[in-house]
């Protein structure tokens, strides 16, 4: 247990350093929300809160801040128009991808101080640990929806809503 706790402190330090200049504008908690959205796709607020281990109101306030920073967006779910989803924007995904690239360099520097056998053992142990925690490996993350497609869908939804409103007024 002590070794895992000590390692977790090291990983938090690496995570903080990997944010670089972004750390001035994005907290680790906000960054974690971006990672959840990047790795799991759009989330209902209650599901995002559960994934982050916070109350839905806390996730809502965090999402408000991330929306203002244009790192996430809120939109209605297609299947249930009453449900609001939060998804990562291209700018938010860029922050996650850049931090991940910096983190790879930092971790490689640490691992480079160890013999190859220990590096492999650590990689296997961390893969098991991440799997047990429910983390999705980066290569399995969903792609970011292109902005053009979102705009086209939003325009289509707006046009459909306008048509429905006009039809309703005519009744």
N, C-alpha and C. Protein backbone atom coordinates (compact mmCIF):
# COMPACT_ATOMS: atom_id res chain seq x y z
N UNK A 1 0.83 -1.19 0.00
CA UNK A 1 0.00 0.00 0.00
C UNK A 1 0.87 1.26 0.00
N UNK A 2 1.91 1.28 0.82
CA UNK A 2 2.77 2.47 0.88
C UNK A 2 3.41 2.76 -0.47
N UNK A 3 3.83 1.72 -1.17
CA UNK A 3 4.46 1.92 -2.47
C UNK A 3 3.48 2.51 -3.48
N UNK A 4 2.23 2.06 -3.43
CA UNK A 4 1.21 2.58 -4.35
C UNK A 4 0.90 4.04 -4.01
N UNK A 5 0.77 4.35 -2.73
CA UNK A 5 0.49 5.73 -2.32
C UNK A 5 1.64 6.66 -2.70
N UNK A 6 2.86 6.21 -2.48
CA UNK A 6 4.02 7.02 -2.85
C UNK A 6 4.06 7.23 -4.37
N UNK A 7 3.78 6.17 -5.11
CA UNK A 7 3.75 6.28 -6.57
C UNK A 7 2.63 7.21 -7.03
N UNK A 8 1.50 7.17 -6.34
CA UNK A 8 0.39 8.04 -6.73
C UNK A 8 0.77 9.51 -6.55
N UNK A 9 1.53 9.82 -5.51
CA UNK A 9 2.00 11.20 -5.33
C UNK A 9 2.91 11.60 -6.49
N UNK A 10 3.77 10.67 -6.89
CA UNK A 10 4.65 10.93 -8.02
C UNK A 10 3.84 11.18 -9.28
N UNK A 11 2.81 10.36 -9.49
CA UNK A 11 1.98 10.51 -10.69
C UNK A 11 1.17 11.82 -10.67
N UNK A 12 0.75 12.24 -9.50
CA UNK A 12 0.06 13.53 -9.40
C UNK A 12 1.01 14.66 -9.77
N UNK A 13 2.25 14.56 -9.31
CA UNK A 13 3.24 15.57 -9.67
C UNK A 13 3.49 15.58 -11.18
N UNK A 14 3.58 14.41 -11.77
CA UNK A 14 3.76 14.31 -13.23
C UNK A 14 2.55 14.89 -13.94
N UNK A 15 1.35 14.57 -13.46
CA UNK A 15 0.13 15.09 -14.07
C UNK A 15 0.08 16.61 -14.01
N UNK A 16 0.45 17.15 -12.87
CA UNK A 16 0.45 18.61 -12.70
C UNK A 16 1.45 19.26 -13.65
N UNK A 17 2.66 18.71 -13.70
CA UNK A 17 3.68 19.27 -14.61
C UNK A 17 3.26 19.12 -16.07
N UNK A 18 2.55 18.05 -16.39
CA UNK A 18 2.18 17.81 -17.78
C UNK A 18 1.15 18.82 -18.29
N UNK A 19 0.42 19.45 -17.38
CA UNK A 19 -0.54 20.46 -17.82
C UNK A 19 0.16 21.71 -18.36
N UNK A 20 1.40 21.93 -17.95
CA UNK A 20 2.16 23.07 -18.45
C UNK A 20 1.43 24.38 -18.20
N UNK A 21 1.40 25.24 -19.21
CA UNK A 21 0.74 26.56 -19.09
C UNK A 21 -0.75 26.43 -18.85
N UNK A 22 -1.33 25.32 -19.27
CA UNK A 22 -2.76 25.10 -19.07
C UNK A 22 -3.12 25.09 -17.60
N UNK A 23 -2.18 24.70 -16.74
CA UNK A 23 -2.45 24.63 -15.30
C UNK A 23 -2.84 25.98 -14.73
N UNK A 24 -2.44 27.06 -15.39
CA UNK A 24 -2.82 28.39 -14.91
C UNK A 24 -4.31 28.65 -15.09
N UNK A 25 -4.94 27.93 -16.04
CA UNK A 25 -6.34 28.19 -16.36
C UNK A 25 -7.25 26.99 -16.12
N UNK A 26 -6.66 25.82 -15.90
CA UNK A 26 -7.43 24.59 -15.74
C UNK A 26 -6.95 23.85 -14.51
N UNK A 27 -7.86 23.57 -13.59
CA UNK A 27 -7.49 22.83 -12.38
C UNK A 27 -7.34 21.35 -12.72
N UNK A 28 -6.72 20.60 -11.82
CA UNK A 28 -6.62 19.15 -12.02
C UNK A 28 -8.01 18.51 -12.08
N UNK A 29 -8.94 18.99 -11.27
CA UNK A 29 -10.31 18.45 -11.29
C UNK A 29 -10.97 18.72 -12.64
N UNK A 30 -10.78 19.92 -13.18
CA UNK A 30 -11.33 20.23 -14.50
C UNK A 30 -10.67 19.38 -15.58
N UNK A 31 -9.36 19.21 -15.45
CA UNK A 31 -8.63 18.36 -16.39
C UNK A 31 -9.17 16.94 -16.34
N UNK A 32 -9.43 16.43 -15.13
CA UNK A 32 -9.98 15.08 -15.00
C UNK A 32 -11.33 14.99 -15.69
N UNK A 33 -12.16 16.01 -15.58
CA UNK A 33 -13.45 16.01 -16.27
C UNK A 33 -13.23 15.94 -17.79
N UNK A 34 -12.26 16.68 -18.29
CA UNK A 34 -11.94 16.64 -19.72
C UNK A 34 -11.50 15.23 -20.13
N UNK A 35 -10.69 14.59 -19.30
CA UNK A 35 -10.23 13.23 -19.60
C UNK A 35 -11.42 12.26 -19.64
N UNK A 36 -12.33 12.38 -18.68
CA UNK A 36 -13.51 11.50 -18.66
C UNK A 36 -14.31 11.70 -19.94
N UNK A 37 -14.52 12.94 -20.34
CA UNK A 37 -15.30 13.21 -21.55
C UNK A 37 -14.56 12.74 -22.80
N UNK A 38 -13.24 12.91 -22.82
CA UNK A 38 -12.46 12.46 -23.98
C UNK A 38 -12.47 10.94 -24.08
N UNK A 39 -12.38 10.27 -22.94
CA UNK A 39 -12.26 8.81 -22.95
C UNK A 39 -13.60 8.09 -23.04
N UNK A 40 -14.66 8.70 -22.54
CA UNK A 40 -15.96 8.02 -22.49
C UNK A 40 -17.01 8.64 -23.39
N UNK A 41 -16.70 9.77 -24.00
CA UNK A 41 -17.67 10.42 -24.87
C UNK A 41 -18.64 11.27 -24.06
N UNK A 42 -19.63 11.84 -24.74
CA UNK A 42 -20.60 12.71 -24.06
C UNK A 42 -21.26 12.01 -22.87
N UNK A 43 -21.50 12.80 -21.83
CA UNK A 43 -22.05 12.26 -20.58
C UNK A 43 -23.22 13.12 -20.11
N UNK A 44 -24.22 12.45 -19.50
CA UNK A 44 -25.23 13.20 -18.77
C UNK A 44 -24.54 13.74 -17.53
N UNK A 45 -25.02 14.84 -17.01
CA UNK A 45 -24.37 15.48 -15.85
C UNK A 45 -24.27 14.51 -14.68
N UNK A 46 -25.31 13.74 -14.43
CA UNK A 46 -25.30 12.80 -13.31
C UNK A 46 -24.24 11.72 -13.53
N UNK A 47 -24.03 11.29 -14.77
CA UNK A 47 -23.02 10.28 -15.06
C UNK A 47 -21.61 10.86 -14.96
N UNK A 48 -21.45 12.09 -15.40
CA UNK A 48 -20.15 12.76 -15.27
C UNK A 48 -19.81 12.92 -13.79
N UNK A 49 -20.79 13.34 -13.01
CA UNK A 49 -20.56 13.49 -11.56
C UNK A 49 -20.14 12.17 -10.94
N UNK A 50 -20.81 11.08 -11.31
CA UNK A 50 -20.47 9.76 -10.76
C UNK A 50 -19.05 9.36 -11.16
N UNK A 51 -18.70 9.62 -12.42
CA UNK A 51 -17.35 9.27 -12.89
C UNK A 51 -16.28 10.07 -12.16
N UNK A 52 -16.61 11.30 -11.78
CA UNK A 52 -15.65 12.16 -11.08
C UNK A 52 -15.70 11.96 -9.57
N UNK A 53 -16.74 11.27 -9.08
CA UNK A 53 -16.89 11.07 -7.64
C UNK A 53 -17.28 12.34 -6.91
N UNK A 54 -18.12 13.17 -7.57
CA UNK A 54 -18.57 14.42 -6.97
C UNK A 54 -20.10 14.49 -7.07
N UNK A 55 -20.69 15.43 -6.37
CA UNK A 55 -22.13 15.66 -6.44
C UNK A 55 -22.48 16.25 -7.80
N UNK A 56 -23.68 15.97 -8.32
CA UNK A 56 -24.08 16.54 -9.60
C UNK A 56 -23.99 18.07 -9.64
N UNK A 57 -24.27 18.73 -8.52
CA UNK A 57 -24.18 20.20 -8.50
C UNK A 57 -22.73 20.65 -8.69
N UNK A 58 -21.79 19.90 -8.12
CA UNK A 58 -20.37 20.22 -8.29
C UNK A 58 -19.96 20.02 -9.74
N UNK A 59 -20.42 18.92 -10.34
CA UNK A 59 -20.12 18.66 -11.76
C UNK A 59 -20.75 19.75 -12.63
N UNK A 60 -21.93 20.22 -12.24
CA UNK A 60 -22.59 21.28 -12.99
C UNK A 60 -21.81 22.59 -12.96
N UNK A 61 -21.33 22.96 -11.78
CA UNK A 61 -20.53 24.19 -11.67
C UNK A 61 -19.23 24.06 -12.45
N UNK A 62 -18.62 22.88 -12.37
CA UNK A 62 -17.38 22.65 -13.11
C UNK A 62 -17.65 22.74 -14.61
N UNK A 63 -18.75 22.16 -15.05
CA UNK A 63 -19.10 22.22 -16.47
C UNK A 63 -19.36 23.66 -16.90
N UNK A 64 -20.01 24.45 -16.04
CA UNK A 64 -20.24 25.86 -16.35
C UNK A 64 -18.91 26.56 -16.65
N UNK A 65 -17.93 26.32 -15.79
CA UNK A 65 -16.61 26.96 -15.99
C UNK A 65 -15.96 26.47 -17.28
N UNK A 66 -16.07 25.17 -17.55
CA UNK A 66 -15.46 24.62 -18.76
C UNK A 66 -16.18 25.08 -20.02
N UNK A 67 -17.50 25.30 -19.92
CA UNK A 67 -18.25 25.86 -21.07
C UNK A 67 -17.76 27.28 -21.35
N UNK A 68 -17.60 28.08 -20.28
CA UNK A 68 -17.11 29.46 -20.47
C UNK A 68 -15.72 29.48 -21.10
N UNK A 69 -14.92 28.48 -20.80
CA UNK A 69 -13.57 28.38 -21.38
C UNK A 69 -13.59 27.73 -22.77
N UNK A 70 -14.79 27.34 -23.21
CA UNK A 70 -15.01 26.68 -24.50
C UNK A 70 -14.28 25.35 -24.61
N UNK A 71 -14.16 24.65 -23.48
CA UNK A 71 -13.50 23.34 -23.46
C UNK A 71 -14.50 22.19 -23.49
N UNK A 72 -15.74 22.48 -23.10
CA UNK A 72 -16.84 21.52 -23.22
C UNK A 72 -18.06 22.27 -23.75
N UNK A 73 -19.03 21.50 -24.21
CA UNK A 73 -20.29 22.10 -24.63
C UNK A 73 -21.44 21.28 -24.07
N UNK A 74 -22.57 21.91 -23.91
CA UNK A 74 -23.78 21.22 -23.48
C UNK A 74 -24.73 21.16 -24.67
N UNK A 75 -25.41 20.03 -24.78
CA UNK A 75 -26.37 19.88 -25.88
C UNK A 75 -27.42 18.85 -25.48
N UNK A 76 -28.55 18.90 -26.13
CA UNK A 76 -29.63 17.96 -25.84
C UNK A 76 -29.30 16.60 -26.44
N UNK A 77 -29.65 15.55 -25.70
CA UNK A 77 -29.46 14.19 -26.20
C UNK A 77 -30.46 13.93 -27.32
N UNK A 78 -30.06 13.23 -28.34
CA UNK A 78 -30.96 12.93 -29.46
C UNK A 78 -32.07 11.99 -29.02
N UNK A 79 -31.72 10.98 -28.22
CA UNK A 79 -32.70 9.97 -27.82
C UNK A 79 -33.72 10.52 -26.83
N UNK A 80 -33.30 11.40 -25.95
CA UNK A 80 -34.17 11.95 -24.92
C UNK A 80 -33.91 13.45 -24.85
N UNK A 81 -34.74 14.24 -25.50
CA UNK A 81 -34.53 15.68 -25.61
C UNK A 81 -34.57 16.38 -24.25
N UNK A 82 -35.06 15.70 -23.21
CA UNK A 82 -35.06 16.30 -21.87
C UNK A 82 -33.68 16.23 -21.24
N UNK A 83 -32.87 15.31 -21.72
CA UNK A 83 -31.56 15.06 -21.13
C UNK A 83 -30.50 15.95 -21.77
N UNK A 84 -29.68 16.56 -20.93
CA UNK A 84 -28.59 17.41 -21.40
C UNK A 84 -27.28 16.64 -21.28
N UNK A 85 -26.52 16.62 -22.36
CA UNK A 85 -25.22 15.96 -22.37
C UNK A 85 -24.12 17.00 -22.34
N UNK A 86 -23.00 16.61 -21.78
CA UNK A 86 -21.80 17.43 -21.79
C UNK A 86 -20.78 16.67 -22.64
N UNK A 87 -20.14 17.38 -23.57
CA UNK A 87 -19.12 16.74 -24.39
C UNK A 87 -17.91 17.66 -24.51
N UNK A 88 -16.80 17.06 -24.81
CA UNK A 88 -15.55 17.81 -24.94
C UNK A 88 -15.52 18.48 -26.32
N UNK A 89 -14.97 19.68 -26.37
CA UNK A 89 -14.79 20.38 -27.65
C UNK A 89 -13.41 20.03 -28.20
N UNK A 90 -13.16 20.46 -29.42
CA UNK A 90 -11.84 20.24 -30.02
C UNK A 90 -10.76 20.92 -29.17
N UNK A 91 -11.06 22.11 -28.64
CA UNK A 91 -10.08 22.81 -27.79
C UNK A 91 -9.81 22.03 -26.51
N UNK A 92 -10.86 21.46 -25.91
CA UNK A 92 -10.69 20.65 -24.71
C UNK A 92 -9.88 19.39 -25.00
N UNK A 93 -10.17 18.77 -26.13
CA UNK A 93 -9.43 17.56 -26.50
C UNK A 93 -7.96 17.89 -26.77
N UNK A 94 -7.71 19.06 -27.33
CA UNK A 94 -6.33 19.48 -27.58
C UNK A 94 -5.56 19.60 -26.26
N UNK A 95 -6.20 20.14 -25.24
CA UNK A 95 -5.56 20.25 -23.92
C UNK A 95 -5.21 18.86 -23.40
N UNK A 96 -6.15 17.92 -23.50
CA UNK A 96 -5.90 16.56 -23.03
C UNK A 96 -4.77 15.92 -23.83
N UNK A 97 -4.81 16.06 -25.15
CA UNK A 97 -3.79 15.44 -26.00
C UNK A 97 -2.40 16.03 -25.76
N UNK A 98 -2.33 17.35 -25.58
CA UNK A 98 -1.03 17.99 -25.33
C UNK A 98 -0.48 17.60 -23.96
N UNK A 99 -1.34 17.53 -22.97
CA UNK A 99 -0.90 17.12 -21.63
C UNK A 99 -0.44 15.66 -21.66
N UNK A 100 -1.15 14.84 -22.42
CA UNK A 100 -0.76 13.43 -22.53
C UNK A 100 0.60 13.30 -23.19
N UNK A 101 0.85 14.08 -24.22
CA UNK A 101 2.16 14.04 -24.90
C UNK A 101 3.27 14.46 -23.93
N UNK A 102 3.03 15.54 -23.16
CA UNK A 102 4.04 15.97 -22.18
C UNK A 102 4.22 14.91 -21.09
N UNK A 103 3.13 14.29 -20.68
CA UNK A 103 3.20 13.26 -19.65
C UNK A 103 4.01 12.06 -20.14
N UNK A 104 3.85 11.71 -21.40
CA UNK A 104 4.64 10.59 -21.97
C UNK A 104 6.14 10.87 -21.84
N UNK A 105 6.53 12.10 -22.12
CA UNK A 105 7.95 12.46 -22.03
C UNK A 105 8.42 12.38 -20.57
N UNK A 106 7.63 12.90 -19.65
CA UNK A 106 8.00 12.88 -18.23
C UNK A 106 8.09 11.44 -17.70
N UNK A 107 7.12 10.62 -18.05
CA UNK A 107 7.12 9.23 -17.58
C UNK A 107 8.27 8.47 -18.21
N UNK A 108 8.54 8.72 -19.49
CA UNK A 108 9.67 8.05 -20.16
C UNK A 108 10.98 8.39 -19.46
N UNK A 109 11.13 9.62 -19.01
CA UNK A 109 12.33 10.02 -18.28
C UNK A 109 12.49 9.26 -16.98
N UNK A 110 11.38 9.05 -16.28
CA UNK A 110 11.42 8.30 -15.02
C UNK A 110 11.71 6.83 -15.31
N UNK A 111 10.98 6.27 -16.26
CA UNK A 111 11.18 4.85 -16.57
C UNK A 111 12.58 4.58 -17.12
N UNK A 112 13.15 5.55 -17.81
CA UNK A 112 14.48 5.40 -18.38
C UNK A 112 15.56 5.18 -17.34
N UNK A 113 15.26 5.50 -16.10
CA UNK A 113 16.21 5.30 -15.01
C UNK A 113 16.19 3.86 -14.47
N UNK A 114 15.28 3.04 -15.02
CA UNK A 114 15.11 1.67 -14.53
C UNK A 114 15.55 0.66 -15.59
N UNK A 115 15.95 -0.52 -15.16
CA UNK A 115 16.27 -1.58 -16.13
C UNK A 115 15.01 -1.99 -16.92
N UNK A 116 15.21 -2.50 -18.12
CA UNK A 116 14.11 -2.87 -19.02
C UNK A 116 13.11 -3.82 -18.37
N UNK A 117 13.61 -4.80 -17.59
CA UNK A 117 12.70 -5.77 -16.96
C UNK A 117 11.76 -5.08 -15.97
N UNK A 118 12.30 -4.13 -15.22
CA UNK A 118 11.46 -3.39 -14.27
C UNK A 118 10.47 -2.50 -15.00
N UNK A 119 10.88 -1.90 -16.10
CA UNK A 119 9.96 -1.08 -16.90
C UNK A 119 8.77 -1.92 -17.36
N UNK A 120 9.05 -3.13 -17.84
CA UNK A 120 7.98 -4.01 -18.31
C UNK A 120 7.07 -4.44 -17.16
N UNK A 121 7.66 -4.73 -16.03
CA UNK A 121 6.87 -5.14 -14.86
C UNK A 121 5.96 -3.99 -14.39
N UNK A 122 6.51 -2.80 -14.38
CA UNK A 122 5.71 -1.63 -13.97
C UNK A 122 4.58 -1.39 -14.97
N UNK A 123 4.88 -1.49 -16.25
CA UNK A 123 3.86 -1.28 -17.28
C UNK A 123 2.72 -2.30 -17.11
N UNK A 124 3.06 -3.55 -16.88
CA UNK A 124 2.04 -4.58 -16.69
C UNK A 124 1.22 -4.32 -15.42
N UNK A 125 1.90 -3.94 -14.34
CA UNK A 125 1.19 -3.66 -13.08
C UNK A 125 0.26 -2.45 -13.24
N UNK A 126 0.75 -1.40 -13.89
CA UNK A 126 -0.09 -0.22 -14.09
C UNK A 126 -1.27 -0.50 -15.03
N UNK A 127 -1.07 -1.34 -16.03
CA UNK A 127 -2.18 -1.71 -16.92
C UNK A 127 -3.27 -2.43 -16.11
N UNK A 128 -2.88 -3.33 -15.24
CA UNK A 128 -3.84 -4.02 -14.37
C UNK A 128 -4.53 -3.04 -13.42
N UNK A 129 -3.74 -2.15 -12.84
CA UNK A 129 -4.26 -1.16 -11.90
C UNK A 129 -5.28 -0.25 -12.59
N UNK A 130 -4.93 0.26 -13.76
CA UNK A 130 -5.83 1.15 -14.52
C UNK A 130 -7.09 0.41 -14.92
N UNK A 131 -6.96 -0.84 -15.33
CA UNK A 131 -8.14 -1.63 -15.69
C UNK A 131 -9.06 -1.83 -14.51
N UNK A 132 -8.49 -2.13 -13.34
CA UNK A 132 -9.29 -2.31 -12.13
C UNK A 132 -10.01 -1.02 -11.74
N UNK A 133 -9.39 0.13 -12.06
CA UNK A 133 -10.00 1.43 -11.75
C UNK A 133 -11.02 1.85 -12.81
N UNK A 134 -11.09 1.10 -13.91
CA UNK A 134 -12.06 1.42 -14.97
C UNK A 134 -11.58 2.44 -15.98
N UNK A 135 -10.27 2.69 -16.03
CA UNK A 135 -9.73 3.65 -16.99
C UNK A 135 -9.70 3.04 -18.39
N UNK A 136 -10.02 3.85 -19.39
CA UNK A 136 -9.98 3.42 -20.78
C UNK A 136 -8.64 3.82 -21.38
N UNK A 137 -7.91 2.86 -21.97
CA UNK A 137 -6.63 3.23 -22.61
C UNK A 137 -6.84 4.27 -23.71
N UNK A 138 -5.88 5.16 -23.87
CA UNK A 138 -5.99 6.26 -24.83
C UNK A 138 -6.38 5.79 -26.23
N UNK A 139 -5.81 4.69 -26.68
CA UNK A 139 -6.06 4.25 -28.05
C UNK A 139 -7.50 3.77 -28.26
N UNK A 140 -8.27 3.62 -27.20
CA UNK A 140 -9.68 3.21 -27.32
C UNK A 140 -10.66 4.38 -27.14
N UNK A 141 -10.13 5.58 -26.97
CA UNK A 141 -11.00 6.75 -26.80
C UNK A 141 -11.75 7.04 -28.08
N UNK A 142 -13.00 7.53 -27.97
CA UNK A 142 -13.75 7.90 -29.18
C UNK A 142 -13.14 9.15 -29.82
N UNK A 143 -13.25 9.28 -31.13
CA UNK A 143 -12.73 10.48 -31.77
C UNK A 143 -13.59 11.69 -31.43
N UNK A 144 -13.01 12.86 -31.54
CA UNK A 144 -13.76 14.10 -31.33
C UNK A 144 -14.62 14.31 -32.56
N UNK A 145 -15.89 14.67 -32.32
CA UNK A 145 -16.78 14.94 -33.44
C UNK A 145 -16.32 16.21 -34.13
N UNK A 146 -16.16 16.16 -35.46
CA UNK A 146 -15.69 17.36 -36.17
C UNK A 146 -16.66 18.53 -35.97
N UNK A 147 -16.11 19.76 -35.80
CA UNK A 147 -16.98 20.92 -35.59
C UNK A 147 -17.99 21.12 -36.71
N UNK A 148 -17.60 20.82 -37.96
CA UNK A 148 -18.52 21.02 -39.08
C UNK A 148 -19.75 20.15 -38.94
N UNK A 149 -19.57 18.92 -38.50
CA UNK A 149 -20.69 18.01 -38.33
C UNK A 149 -21.62 18.51 -37.22
N UNK A 150 -21.03 18.99 -36.11
CA UNK A 150 -21.85 19.52 -35.01
C UNK A 150 -22.67 20.71 -35.49
N UNK A 151 -22.02 21.61 -36.24
CA UNK A 151 -22.75 22.79 -36.74
C UNK A 151 -23.87 22.39 -37.66
N UNK A 152 -23.59 21.42 -38.54
CA UNK A 152 -24.62 20.96 -39.47
C UNK A 152 -25.78 20.33 -38.71
N UNK A 153 -25.48 19.51 -37.69
CA UNK A 153 -26.53 18.90 -36.89
C UNK A 153 -27.29 19.96 -36.12
N UNK A 154 -26.57 20.92 -35.54
CA UNK A 154 -27.22 21.99 -34.78
C UNK A 154 -28.13 22.80 -35.71
N UNK A 155 -27.64 23.09 -36.90
CA UNK A 155 -28.45 23.82 -37.87
C UNK A 155 -29.69 23.04 -38.26
N UNK A 156 -29.53 21.73 -38.47
CA UNK A 156 -30.65 20.87 -38.81
C UNK A 156 -31.65 20.83 -37.66
N UNK A 157 -31.15 20.69 -36.43
CA UNK A 157 -32.04 20.66 -35.27
C UNK A 157 -32.75 22.00 -35.09
N UNK A 158 -32.01 23.11 -35.32
CA UNK A 158 -32.62 24.44 -35.21
C UNK A 158 -33.70 24.59 -36.27
N UNK A 159 -33.41 24.16 -37.50
CA UNK A 159 -34.40 24.26 -38.58
C UNK A 159 -35.62 23.41 -38.26
N UNK A 160 -35.40 22.20 -37.73
CA UNK A 160 -36.51 21.33 -37.37
C UNK A 160 -37.34 21.95 -36.25
N UNK A 161 -36.67 22.54 -35.27
CA UNK A 161 -37.39 23.18 -34.17
C UNK A 161 -38.18 24.37 -34.68
N UNK A 162 -37.58 25.16 -35.57
CA UNK A 162 -38.27 26.32 -36.12
C UNK A 162 -39.49 25.88 -36.92
N UNK A 163 -39.34 24.83 -37.72
CA UNK A 163 -40.45 24.30 -38.51
C UNK A 163 -41.56 23.83 -37.58
N UNK A 164 -41.18 23.14 -36.50
CA UNK A 164 -42.17 22.65 -35.55
C UNK A 164 -42.88 23.82 -34.87
N UNK A 165 -42.13 24.87 -34.53
CA UNK A 165 -42.74 26.04 -33.90
C UNK A 165 -43.71 26.72 -34.85
N UNK A 166 -43.31 26.84 -36.10
CA UNK A 166 -44.18 27.48 -37.09
C UNK A 166 -45.45 26.64 -37.28
N UNK A 167 -45.27 25.31 -37.35
CA UNK A 167 -46.43 24.41 -37.50
C UNK A 167 -47.36 24.54 -36.31
N UNK A 168 -46.79 24.62 -35.11
CA UNK A 168 -47.59 24.72 -33.89
C UNK A 168 -48.37 26.04 -33.87
N UNK A 169 -47.73 27.11 -34.37
CA UNK A 169 -48.42 28.41 -34.38
C UNK A 169 -49.57 28.40 -35.36
N UNK A 170 -49.44 27.64 -36.44
CA UNK A 170 -50.47 27.59 -37.47
C UNK A 170 -51.69 26.82 -37.04
N UNK A 171 -51.59 26.03 -35.97
CA UNK A 171 -52.74 25.21 -35.53
C UNK A 171 -53.74 26.00 -34.79
